[in-house]
PDB file of N, CA and C in Angstrom:
ATOM      1  N   GLU A   1      47.581  21.466  59.548  1.00  0.00           N
ATOM      2  CA  GLU A   1      47.098  21.147  60.877  1.00  0.00           C
ATOM      3  C   GLU A   1      45.961  20.139  60.773  1.00  0.00           C
ATOM      4  N   ILE A   2      45.913  19.222  61.720  1.00  0.00           N
ATOM      5  CA  ILE A   2      44.887  18.191  61.720  1.00  0.00           C
ATOM      6  C   ILE A   2      43.601  18.734  62.343  1.00  0.00           C
ATOM      7  N   ALA A   3      42.508  18.577  61.620  1.00  0.00           N
ATOM      8  CA  ALA A   3      41.192  18.925  62.144  1.00  0.00           C
ATOM      9  C   ALA A   3      40.493  17.622  62.490  1.00  0.00           C
ATOM     10  N   VAL A   4      40.279  17.390  63.777  1.00  0.00           N
ATOM     11  CA  VAL A   4      39.697  16.128  64.217  1.00  0.00           C
ATOM     12  C   VAL A   4      38.595  16.390  65.235  1.00  0.00           C
ATOM     13  N   PHE A   5      37.555  15.575  65.161  1.00  0.00           N
ATOM     14  CA  PHE A   5      36.475  15.615  66.139  1.00  0.00           C
ATOM     15  C   PHE A   5      36.497  14.293  66.891  1.00  0.00           C
ATOM     16  N   ILE A   6      36.582  14.372  68.208  1.00  0.00           N
ATOM     17  CA  ILE A   6      36.551  13.178  69.046  1.00  0.00           C
ATOM     18  C   ILE A   6      35.257  13.236  69.844  1.00  0.00           C
ATOM     19  N   PRO A   7      34.323  12.331  69.548  1.00  0.00           N
ATOM     20  CA  PRO A   7      33.053  12.343  70.284  1.00  0.00           C
ATOM     21  C   PRO A   7      33.278  12.219  71.784  1.00  0.00           C
ATOM     22  N   ARG A   8      32.414  12.828  72.567  1.00  0.00           N
ATOM     23  CA  ARG A   8      32.534  12.810  74.030  1.00  0.00           C
ATOM     24  C   ARG A   8      31.792  11.652  74.670  1.00  0.00           C
ATOM     25  N   ALA A   9      30.859  11.026  73.932  1.00  0.00           N
ATOM     26  CA  ALA A   9      30.088   9.921  74.495  1.00  0.00           C
ATOM     27  C   ALA A   9      29.563   9.045  73.368  1.00  0.00           C
ATOM     28  N   PHE A  10      29.278   7.787  73.711  1.00  0.00           N
ATOM     29  CA  PHE A  10      28.582   6.898  72.794  1.00  0.00           C
ATOM     30  C   PHE A  10      27.794   5.877  73.593  1.00  0.00           C
ATOM     31  N   THR A  11      26.828   5.229  72.917  1.00  0.00           N
ATOM     32  CA  THR A  11      25.885   4.363  73.616  1.00  0.00           C
ATOM     33  C   THR A  11      25.751   3.013  72.906  1.00  0.00           C
ATOM     34  N   PRO A  12      26.682   2.094  73.125  1.00  0.00           N
ATOM     35  CA  PRO A  12      26.588   0.785  72.474  1.00  0.00           C
ATOM     36  C   PRO A  12      25.561  -0.117  73.164  1.00  0.00           C
ATOM     37  N   ASN A  13      24.278   0.199  72.969  1.00  0.00           N
ATOM     38  CA  ASN A  13      23.219  -0.513  73.686  1.00  0.00           C
ATOM     39  C   ASN A  13      22.262  -1.257  72.769  1.00  0.00           C
ATOM     40  N   GLY A  14      22.599  -1.369  71.472  1.00  0.00           N
ATOM     41  CA  GLY A  14      21.783  -2.153  70.553  1.00  0.00           C
ATOM     42  C   GLY A  14      20.633  -1.422  69.895  1.00  0.00           C
ATOM     43  N   ASP A  15      20.536  -0.091  70.064  1.00  0.00           N
ATOM     44  CA  ASP A  15      19.431   0.641  69.435  1.00  0.00           C
ATOM     45  C   ASP A  15      19.807   1.226  68.072  1.00  0.00           C
ATOM     46  N   ASN A  16      20.988   0.903  67.580  1.00  0.00           N
ATOM     47  CA  ASN A  16      21.510   1.353  66.275  1.00  0.00           C
ATOM     48  C   ASN A  16      21.742   2.860  66.188  1.00  0.00           C
ATOM     49  N   LEU A  17      21.887   3.530  67.326  1.00  0.00           N
ATOM     50  CA  LEU A  17      22.248   4.940  67.376  1.00  0.00           C
ATOM     51  C   LEU A  17      23.487   5.084  68.249  1.00  0.00           C
ATOM     52  N   ASN A  18      24.529   5.722  67.742  1.00  0.00           N
ATOM     53  CA  ASN A  18      25.773   5.933  68.505  1.00  0.00           C
ATOM     54  C   ASN A  18      26.363   4.626  69.026  1.00  0.00           C
ATOM     55  N   GLU A  19      26.407   3.598  68.201  1.00  0.00           N
ATOM     56  CA  GLU A  19      26.857   2.277  68.622  1.00  0.00           C
ATOM     57  C   GLU A  19      28.377   2.137  68.678  1.00  0.00           C
ATOM     58  N   ILE A  20      29.099   2.973  67.943  1.00  0.00           N
ATOM     59  CA  ILE A  20      30.562   2.857  67.895  1.00  0.00           C
ATOM     60  C   ILE A  20      31.215   4.185  68.258  1.00  0.00           C
ATOM     61  N   PHE A  21      32.490   4.078  68.642  1.00  0.00           N
ATOM     62  CA  PHE A  21      33.282   5.273  68.939  1.00  0.00           C
ATOM     63  C   PHE A  21      34.499   5.265  68.034  1.00  0.00           C
ATOM     64  N   GLN A  22      34.743   6.395  67.377  1.00  0.00           N
ATOM     65  CA  GLN A  22      35.981   6.599  66.648  1.00  0.00           C
ATOM     66  C   GLN A  22      36.151   8.084  66.336  1.00  0.00           C
ATOM     67  N   PRO A  23      37.403   8.552  66.319  1.00  0.00           N
ATOM     68  CA  PRO A  23      37.661   9.941  65.930  1.00  0.00           C
ATOM     69  C   PRO A  23      37.254  10.159  64.472  1.00  0.00           C
ATOM     70  N   ILE A  24      36.868  11.392  64.158  1.00  0.00           N
ATOM     71  CA  ILE A  24      36.431  11.751  62.811  1.00  0.00           C
ATOM     72  C   ILE A  24      37.197  12.990  62.381  1.00  0.00           C
ATOM     73  N   GLY A  25      37.714  12.976  61.154  1.00  0.00           N
ATOM     74  CA  GLY A  25      38.412  14.156  60.665  1.00  0.00           C
ATOM     75  C   GLY A  25      38.628  14.111  59.172  1.00  0.00           C
ATOM     76  N   ALA A  26      38.328  15.199  58.515  1.00  0.00           N
ATOM     77  CA  ALA A  26      38.487  15.263  57.068  1.00  0.00           C
ATOM     78  C   ALA A  26      39.953  15.284  56.660  1.00  0.00           C
ATOM     79  N   SER A  27      40.817  15.809  57.505  1.00  0.00           N
ATOM     80  CA  SER A  27      42.225  15.925  57.136  1.00  0.00           C
ATOM     81  C   SER A  27      43.079  14.785  57.685  1.00  0.00           C
ATOM     82  N   LEU A  28      42.449  13.766  58.273  1.00  0.00           N
ATOM     83  CA  LEU A  28      43.206  12.619  58.778  1.00  0.00           C
ATOM     84  C   LEU A  28      43.502  11.655  57.637  1.00  0.00           C
ATOM     85  N   THR A  29      44.748  11.215  57.527  1.00  0.00           N
ATOM     86  CA  THR A  29      45.061  10.202  56.526  1.00  0.00           C
ATOM     87  C   THR A  29      45.125   8.821  57.152  1.00  0.00           C
ATOM     88  N   GLU A  30      45.653   8.742  58.347  1.00  0.00           N
ATOM     89  CA  GLU A  30      45.653   7.494  59.097  1.00  0.00           C
ATOM     90  C   GLU A  30      45.832   7.818  60.573  1.00  0.00           C
ATOM     91  N   TYR A  31      45.293   6.952  61.415  1.00  0.00           N
ATOM     92  CA  TYR A  31      45.417   7.190  62.845  1.00  0.00           C
ATOM     93  C   TYR A  31      45.281   5.881  63.613  1.00  0.00           C
ATOM     94  N   GLU A  32      45.733   5.933  64.846  1.00  0.00           N
ATOM     95  CA  GLU A  32      45.541   4.838  65.792  1.00  0.00           C
ATOM     96  C   GLU A  32      45.098   5.472  67.098  1.00  0.00           C
ATOM     97  N   PHE A  33      44.166   4.826  67.776  1.00  0.00           N
ATOM     98  CA  PHE A  33      43.759   5.330  69.078  1.00  0.00           C
ATOM     99  C   PHE A  33      43.717   4.180  70.069  1.00  0.00           C
ATOM    100  N   ARG A  34      43.983   4.534  71.309  1.00  0.00           N
ATOM    101  CA  ARG A  34      43.929   3.561  72.401  1.00  0.00           C
ATOM    102  C   ARG A  34      42.949   4.067  73.442  1.00  0.00           C
ATOM    103  N   ILE A  35      42.194   3.145  74.010  1.00  0.00           N
ATOM    104  CA  ILE A  35      41.246   3.452  75.070  1.00  0.00           C
ATOM    105  C   ILE A  35      41.809   2.892  76.370  1.00  0.00           C
ATOM    106  N   PHE A  36      41.863   3.758  77.391  1.00  0.00           N
ATOM    107  CA  PHE A  36      42.386   3.381  78.707  1.00  0.00           C
ATOM    108  C   PHE A  36      41.266   3.418  79.736  1.00  0.00           C
ATOM    109  N   ASN A  37      41.291   2.474  80.675  1.00  0.00           N
ATOM    110  CA  ASN A  37      40.334   2.514  81.776  1.00  0.00           C
ATOM    111  C   ASN A  37      40.877   3.422  82.877  1.00  0.00           C
ATOM    112  N   ARG A  38      40.165   3.521  83.980  1.00  0.00           N
ATOM    113  CA  ARG A  38      40.566   4.448  85.050  1.00  0.00           C
ATOM    114  C   ARG A  38      41.857   4.053  85.749  1.00  0.00           C
ATOM    115  N   TRP A  39      42.311   2.810  85.566  1.00  0.00           N
ATOM    116  CA  TRP A  39      43.557   2.340  86.177  1.00  0.00           C
ATOM    117  C   TRP A  39      44.735   2.433  85.211  1.00  0.00           C
ATOM    118  N   GLY A  40      44.510   3.020  84.035  1.00  0.00           N
ATOM    119  CA  GLY A  40      45.584   3.207  83.070  1.00  0.00           C
ATOM    120  C   GLY A  40      45.873   2.000  82.201  1.00  0.00           C
ATOM    121  N   GLN A  41      44.997   1.007  82.229  1.00  0.00           N
ATOM    122  CA  GLN A  41      45.192  -0.186  81.398  1.00  0.00           C
ATOM    123  C   GLN A  41      44.569   0.044  80.027  1.00  0.00           C
ATOM    124  N   VAL A  42      45.281  -0.370  78.981  1.00  0.00           N
ATOM    125  CA  VAL A  42      44.733  -0.284  77.625  1.00  0.00           C
ATOM    126  C   VAL A  42      43.681  -1.375  77.491  1.00  0.00           C
ATOM    127  N   ILE A  43      42.449  -0.977  77.171  1.00  0.00           N
ATOM    128  CA  ILE A  43      41.400  -1.979  76.998  1.00  0.00           C
ATOM    129  C   ILE A  43      40.974  -2.123  75.542  1.00  0.00           C
ATOM    130  N   PHE A  44      41.471  -1.220  74.659  1.00  0.00           N
ATOM    131  CA  PHE A  44      41.147  -1.328  73.240  1.00  0.00           C
ATOM    132  C   PHE A  44      42.151  -0.525  72.426  1.00  0.00           C
ATOM    133  N   THR A  45      42.521  -1.046  71.279  1.00  0.00           N
ATOM    134  CA  THR A  45      43.347  -0.327  70.307  1.00  0.00           C
ATOM    135  C   THR A  45      42.625  -0.376  68.970  1.00  0.00           C
ATOM    136  N   GLY A  46      42.391   0.792  68.381  1.00  0.00           N
ATOM    137  CA  GLY A  46      41.663   0.854  67.116  1.00  0.00           C
ATOM    138  C   GLY A  46      42.347   1.772  66.126  1.00  0.00           C
ATOM    139  N   ASN A  47      41.751   1.870  64.935  1.00  0.00           N
ATOM    140  CA  ASN A  47      42.259   2.763  63.887  1.00  0.00           C
ATOM    141  C   ASN A  47      41.090   3.179  62.994  1.00  0.00           C
ATOM    142  N   GLU A  48      41.410   3.787  61.845  1.00  0.00           N
ATOM    143  CA  GLU A  48      40.359   4.302  60.976  1.00  0.00           C
ATOM    144  C   GLU A  48      39.448   3.196  60.441  1.00  0.00           C
ATOM    145  N   LYS A  49      39.906   1.952  60.465  1.00  0.00           N
ATOM    146  CA  LYS A  49      39.097   0.832  59.981  1.00  0.00           C
ATOM    147  C   LYS A  49      38.538  -0.029  61.114  1.00  0.00           C
ATOM    148  N   LYS A  50      38.886   0.312  62.347  1.00  0.00           N
ATOM    149  CA  LYS A  50      38.488  -0.514  63.492  1.00  0.00           C
ATOM    150  C   LYS A  50      37.994   0.382  64.632  1.00  0.00           C
ATOM    151  N   PRO A  51      36.687   0.728  64.648  1.00  0.00           N
ATOM    152  CA  PRO A  51      36.138   1.549  65.732  1.00  0.00           C
ATOM    153  C   PRO A  51      35.941   0.727  66.997  1.00  0.00           C
ATOM    154  N   TRP A  52      35.770   1.418  68.116  1.00  0.00           N
ATOM    155  CA  TRP A  52      35.505   0.744  69.386  1.00  0.00           C
ATOM    156  C   TRP A  52      34.006   0.497  69.514  1.00  0.00           C
ATOM    157  N   THR A  53      33.632  -0.737  69.812  1.00  0.00           N
ATOM    158  CA  THR A  53      32.224  -1.106  69.971  1.00  0.00           C
ATOM    159  C   THR A  53      31.797  -1.149  71.432  1.00  0.00           C
ATOM    160  N   GLY A  54      32.715  -0.792  72.348  1.00  0.00           N
ATOM    161  CA  GLY A  54      32.384  -0.783  73.764  1.00  0.00           C
ATOM    162  C   GLY A  54      32.757  -2.062  74.490  1.00  0.00           C
ATOM    163  N   ASN A  55      33.433  -2.968  73.803  1.00  0.00           N
ATOM    164  CA  ASN A  55      33.867  -4.214  74.432  1.00  0.00           C
ATOM    165  C   ASN A  55      35.337  -4.119  74.815  1.00  0.00           C
ATOM    166  N   VAL A  56      35.755  -5.006  75.715  1.00  0.00           N
ATOM    167  CA  VAL A  56      37.136  -5.030  76.197  1.00  0.00           C
ATOM    168  C   VAL A  56      37.981  -5.913  75.291  1.00  0.00           C
ATOM    169  N   ASN A  57      39.061  -5.341  74.757  1.00  0.00           N
ATOM    170  CA  ASN A  57      40.059  -6.080  73.966  1.00  0.00           C
ATOM    171  C   ASN A  57      39.470  -7.000  72.912  1.00  0.00           C
ATOM    172  N   ASP A  58      38.559  -6.511  72.106  1.00  0.00           N
ATOM    173  CA  ASP A  58      37.975  -7.273  70.996  1.00  0.00           C
ATOM    174  C   ASP A  58      37.253  -8.542  71.438  1.00  0.00           C
ATOM    175  N   SER A  59      36.866  -8.616  72.694  1.00  0.00           N
ATOM    176  CA  SER A  59      36.142  -9.784  73.183  1.00  0.00           C
ATOM    177  C   SER A  59      34.643  -9.484  73.153  1.00  0.00           C
ATOM    178  N   SER A  60      33.859 -10.408  73.668  1.00  0.00           N
ATOM    179  CA  SER A  60      32.424 -10.158  73.786  1.00  0.00           C
ATOM    180  C   SER A  60      32.071  -9.599  75.161  1.00  0.00           C
ATOM    181  N   VAL A  61      33.100  -9.298  75.967  1.00  0.00           N
ATOM    182  CA  VAL A  61      32.889  -8.751  77.313  1.00  0.00           C
ATOM    183  C   VAL A  61      32.677  -7.236  77.212  1.00  0.00           C
ATOM    184  N   PRO A  62      31.486  -6.749  77.574  1.00  0.00           N
ATOM    185  CA  PRO A  62      31.253  -5.304  77.488  1.00  0.00           C
ATOM    186  C   PRO A  62      32.010  -4.551  78.580  1.00  0.00           C
ATOM    187  N   ALA A  63      32.573  -3.416  78.192  1.00  0.00           N
ATOM    188  CA  ALA A  63      33.209  -2.535  79.176  1.00  0.00           C
ATOM    189  C   ALA A  63      32.102  -1.887  80.005  1.00  0.00           C
ATOM    190  N   PRO A  64      32.351  -1.675  81.299  1.00  0.00           N
ATOM    191  CA  PRO A  64      31.310  -1.051  82.125  1.00  0.00           C
ATOM    192  C   PRO A  64      31.083   0.415  81.745  1.00  0.00           C
ATOM    193  N   GLU A  65      29.906   0.909  82.081  1.00  0.00           N
ATOM    194  CA  GLU A  65      29.611   2.326  81.892  1.00  0.00           C
ATOM    195  C   GLU A  65      30.645   3.152  82.621  1.00  0.00           C
ATOM    196  N   GLY A  66      31.018   4.281  82.051  1.00  0.00           N
ATOM    197  CA  GLY A  66      31.961   5.148  82.726  1.00  0.00           C
ATOM    198  C   GLY A  66      32.728   6.019  81.765  1.00  0.00           C
ATOM    199  N   VAL A  67      33.714   6.716  82.305  1.00  0.00           N
ATOM    200  CA  VAL A  67      34.548   7.629  81.531  1.00  0.00           C
ATOM    201  C   VAL A  67      35.882   6.946  81.253  1.00  0.00           C
ATOM    202  N   TYR A  68      36.322   7.018  80.002  1.00  0.00           N
ATOM    203  CA  TYR A  68      37.559   6.410  79.550  1.00  0.00           C
ATOM    204  C   TYR A  68      38.430   7.483  78.897  1.00  0.00           C
ATOM    205  N   ILE A  69      39.713   7.213  78.834  1.00  0.00           N
ATOM    206  CA  ILE A  69      40.650   8.125  78.176  1.00  0.00           C
ATOM    207  C   ILE A  69      40.936   7.597  76.779  1.00  0.00           C
ATOM    208  N   CYS A  70      40.913   8.484  75.808  1.00  0.00           N
ATOM    209  CA  CYS A  70      41.258   8.148  74.429  1.00  0.00           C
ATOM    210  C   CYS A  70      42.560   8.867  74.092  1.00  0.00           C
ATOM    211  N   HIS A  71      43.564   8.101  73.679  1.00  0.00           N
ATOM    212  CA  HIS A  71      44.835   8.673  73.223  1.00  0.00           C
ATOM    213  C   HIS A  71      44.911   8.439  71.722  1.00  0.00           C
ATOM    214  N   LEU A  72      44.949   9.515  70.953  1.00  0.00           N
ATOM    215  CA  LEU A  72      44.948   9.460  69.495  1.00  0.00           C
ATOM    216  C   LEU A  72      46.300   9.886  68.954  1.00  0.00           C
ATOM    217  N   GLU A  73      46.865   9.085  68.062  1.00  0.00           N
ATOM    218  CA  GLU A  73      48.062   9.449  67.312  1.00  0.00           C
ATOM    219  C   GLU A  73      47.656   9.445  65.846  1.00  0.00           C
ATOM    220  N   ALA A  74      47.803  10.599  65.182  1.00  0.00           N
ATOM    221  CA  ALA A  74      47.274  10.748  63.835  1.00  0.00           C
ATOM    222  C   ALA A  74      48.266  11.425  62.899  1.00  0.00           C
ATOM    223  N   LYS A  75      48.120  11.107  61.613  1.00  0.00           N
ATOM    224  CA  LYS A  75      48.846  11.797  60.553  1.00  0.00           C
ATOM    225  C   LYS A  75      47.844  12.603  59.749  1.00  0.00           C
ATOM    226  N   GLY A  76      48.216  13.825  59.446  1.00  0.00           N
ATOM    227  CA  GLY A  76      47.370  14.675  58.622  1.00  0.00           C
ATOM    228  C   GLY A  76      47.784  14.610  57.164  1.00  0.00           C
ATOM    229  N   LEU A  77      47.175  15.455  56.353  1.00  0.00           N
ATOM    230  CA  LEU A  77      47.490  15.494  54.930  1.00  0.00           C
ATOM    231  C   LEU A  77      48.948  15.853  54.673  1.00  0.00           C
ATOM    232  N   ASP A  78      49.569  16.604  55.593  1.00  0.00           N
ATOM    233  CA  ASP A  78      50.970  16.977  55.452  1.00  0.00           C
ATOM    234  C   ASP A  78      51.910  15.890  55.992  1.00  0.00           C
ATOM    235  N   LEU A  79      51.347  14.748  56.435  1.00  0.00           N
ATOM    236  CA  LEU A  79      52.070  13.599  56.979  1.00  0.00           C
ATOM    237  C   LEU A  79      52.781  13.883  58.295  1.00  0.00           C
ATOM    238  N   GLU A  80      52.461  15.015  58.924  1.00  0.00           N
ATOM    239  CA  GLU A  80      52.986  15.307  60.252  1.00  0.00           C
ATOM    240  C   GLU A  80      52.149  14.558  61.280  1.00  0.00           C
ATOM    241  N   LYS A  81      52.818  14.037  62.296  1.00  0.00           N
ATOM    242  CA  LYS A  81      52.113  13.301  63.347  1.00  0.00           C
ATOM    243  C   LYS A  81      51.664  14.252  64.453  1.00  0.00           C
ATOM    244  N   SER A  82      50.479  13.984  64.972  1.00  0.00           N
ATOM    245  CA  SER A  82      49.939  14.737  66.106  1.00  0.00           C
ATOM    246  C   SER A  82      49.407  13.754  67.133  1.00  0.00           C
ATOM    247  N   LYS A  83      49.422  14.173  68.392  1.00  0.00           N
ATOM    248  CA  LYS A  83      48.876  13.363  69.476  1.00  0.00           C
ATOM    249  C   LYS A  83      47.840  14.183  70.219  1.00  0.00           C
ATOM    250  N   VAL A  84      46.722  13.539  70.536  1.00  0.00           N
ATOM    251  CA  VAL A  84      45.628  14.202  71.237  1.00  0.00           C
ATOM    252  C   VAL A  84      45.098  13.253  72.306  1.00  0.00           C
ATOM    253  N   ASN A  85      44.823  13.777  73.491  1.00  0.00           N
ATOM    254  CA  ASN A  85      44.175  13.011  74.549  1.00  0.00           C
ATOM    255  C   ASN A  85      42.799  13.607  74.791  1.00  0.00           C
ATOM    256  N   SER A  86      41.837  12.729  75.037  1.00  0.00           N
ATOM    257  CA  SER A  86      40.467  13.175  75.280  1.00  0.00           C
ATOM    258  C   SER A  86      39.775  12.171  76.191  1.00  0.00           C
ATOM    259  N   ARG A  87      38.596  12.532  76.651  1.00  0.00           N
ATOM    260  CA  ARG A  87      37.762  11.627  77.443  1.00  0.00           C
ATOM    261  C   ARG A  87      36.563  11.220  76.620  1.00  0.00           C
ATOM    262  N   VAL A  88      36.108   9.991  76.843  1.00  0.00           N
ATOM    263  CA  VAL A  88      34.880   9.516  76.206  1.00  0.00           C
ATOM    264  C   VAL A  88      34.057   8.799  77.275  1.00  0.00           C
ATOM    265  N   THR A  89      32.768   9.083  77.287  1.00  0.00           N
ATOM    266  CA  THR A  89      31.870   8.451  78.236  1.00  0.00           C
ATOM    267  C   THR A  89      31.093   7.344  77.538  1.00  0.00           C
ATOM    268  N   LEU A  90      31.153   6.155  78.092  1.00  0.00           N
ATOM    269  CA  LEU A  90      30.403   5.019  77.580  1.00  0.00           C
ATOM    270  C   LEU A  90      29.126   4.915  78.400  1.00  0.00           C
ATOM    271  N   ILE A  91      27.976   4.994  77.708  1.00  0.00           N
ATOM    272  CA  ILE A  91      26.670   4.948  78.356  1.00  0.00           C
ATOM    273  C   ILE A  91      25.925   3.734  77.821  1.00  0.00           C
ATOM    274  N   ARG A  92      25.470   2.886  78.691  1.00  0.00           N
ATOM    275  CA  ARG A  92      24.746   1.672  78.245  1.00  0.00           C
ATOM    276  C   ARG A  92      23.254   1.899  78.284  1.00  0.00           C
TER     277      ARG A  92
END
């Protein structure tokens, strides 16, 4: 079974604390996550090597403060795939 922690909030505001968002798990071997805005549009796609910095689609345009949906597809040590949905709050 996959043990994963998905942070509920992060603060990409330049103070070097909680600047990025990404799922964390000791039993994850690889994963991909997508961030959706309130209208269901994908605004970011990341993986274990590419965390979300709070910008829209890898641009320099910051996403507005608010609640976003994170859809995670992950493989565990047993190579079984799991899907998890969660919310993340972006605070500036």
